[in-house]
Amino acid sequence: MFSINRHQASLYGNYDSFHLKDMNKSILNLLFLPHDLPSSADEDYLIQSNRENEYKILECMKDFLQSMDTNNELPIIEILKKSIQRWSIIQNTKNCSVPILQSTIQELTSGDFLPLYFHAQNAAILIEIDENPPNQPLISSWQVLLPTETITSSLEPHFPCFPTPTYRLSNQCQLSCQVQCELLIDFMNNTIEYFKSHKASYPFNEMREAPVAHYVCQWWIAQFEGSQLDNRVKTSISFKKKHRDQIRYKSSIHPFRRSGLWMTIKVVFHTILTKRLGNIVSFSSIDSTDINPWIQSVTEEIKDKLDCIALDPNWQKPIEHYEKRQLSAIKLNPDQSETYRHSCQNSKDYLEKHNSNTSRRRYSYYQRTALAFYYSESKSSDPIGYSRFILTLLTIIRLMHRKLCEDTRFERLKLHAIQIPHLLELFDFLVLPARDDMIRARDSYDYLREFYSKPYSDLLNNIEAKNSFGVYFADQSLEMNETLQKIQDQVEQDKKRQN
């Protein structure tokens, strides 16, 4: 949705294809947290160099909103556009100054919103100019990133509650005065304190930790004269956001973490939409008079885009009709069987000869592709990544074995055991926080445990046994029996000659 093409790249300056590729990859990282995340913030375009490019997420969002159809635009979309427009100017710390921040706050009118994100303080604030009473802004703030210890020590998801406590100021001038603007600019650029990390086994650089948000979330609001906790916020609009984040670092001072700005954008949008549209979960609470035309317009737009990239399911029908007409024009003589019937014996012999080689190449290609997708040599050797590597190998073994068992030629394989040493004990050491990985591990464990106690011997451990897989099929092979008989006959002839 937010990926940038070459035409849009001109909106962000003179980007070359290299920066464009890095930015699109970085956007995918912060949106979906894929398995191949970088192991350092320096390897991600948007958050490298102390997150100097992070503000460009807002520019992508701004262009996305501006690209929407203006003919069927909801009033709430215009509010979001204005909020993002102001926010993107201030969030760029290179260009933001006290006069720019002052003028932006002074230009806010009734019903406007102004969000701010402070990476250096790990905090965000939302300023709203309330419609009633006028000239009394509402301010709220919250911590964005959780401490490292909270993220890594528990696999339970965190659900922060919103909206956070909202305070009403007595006058809008309190926000736009020069002292307050200078303080906010300082918050954007300087960290006061980091969370403390206690590592007994090795020294831990506190710069890897998230900053403490206390100074923005509590101290900054408390120093406004006459600020009061606003009780007019409706409890029915409260919502929870699942806190999804990952910490990746390997010999790096600055670990990779999910963009706090992106997480703030989601909360801000949810808050604004909830305040303007009511409880988003309940569609009946929304004024359908305004939203139905917009939904219809967006649905048609999506359908048009899908039609451009998707194949027509009926594209083969003209070819089929043409072939039927051609076949109907051919008249065969039923008395000349050679004109319409042939043996295909050569093709059959060729396929039987090369079938095993083709299957072997396919399984080899499948294994290489699966391992490259889930794990590669360039990935870090952390417990989760190494566990995923082992689980992928076990899954490949399970699927290949099941496929062979389904083949009628290898039906006897179902009776032979799989007794790889310490295979079942290996599952006790896997570190699998993801639910999908746990399900795959359970399926593989149950399957391998079932075959561990099969009546016939393992193919690799006792291949010479009378009931082994290879000996059984050798006994069933006519060609093999003929060869063995020839060898036996030759041995008897040699014995007679010696005598």
Foldseek 3Di string as FASTA:
>chain_A
DLQDDPVRVVVVPPDDPVLSVLQNVLVCCQPPVDPQDDQFLCSHNQCHPPRLNVLVVLVSVLVVLVPDDPVQDFPLSVLVNVQSVLASQQANLVRHDLVSQLVSLVPDFAQHKHKYDAQLQQKIKIWHQHVPPGQKIKMAMDHQDDWPCVVPVDLDWDKDKDDDFIKIAPGSVLCNDSVNSVVVSCSNPHHDAFDDDDDPPDDDDRLQTGGHNCCPRPVSQVPGPPIDGDPPDDPQLMDIDTDDWDWHHDPYSHTDIRDSVVSVVVVVVSVSCCVVANHPVDPVSGDCVSCVVVVVVVVVVVVVVCVVVDDDPCPCVVVVVVVVVVVVVDDDDPVPVVVPDDDCPVVVVVCVVCVVVVVVVVLVVVLVVQLVVLHDPPGDPDLQSVLSNVLSVLLSVLVVLVVQCVDPVQVCSQQEADCDDCPLVVLVSHDHSDPVSVVSSVVSNVSNVVRHPHPHYHCPPCVPDCPHRVNVVCVVDPVSVVVVVVVVVVVVVVVVVVD
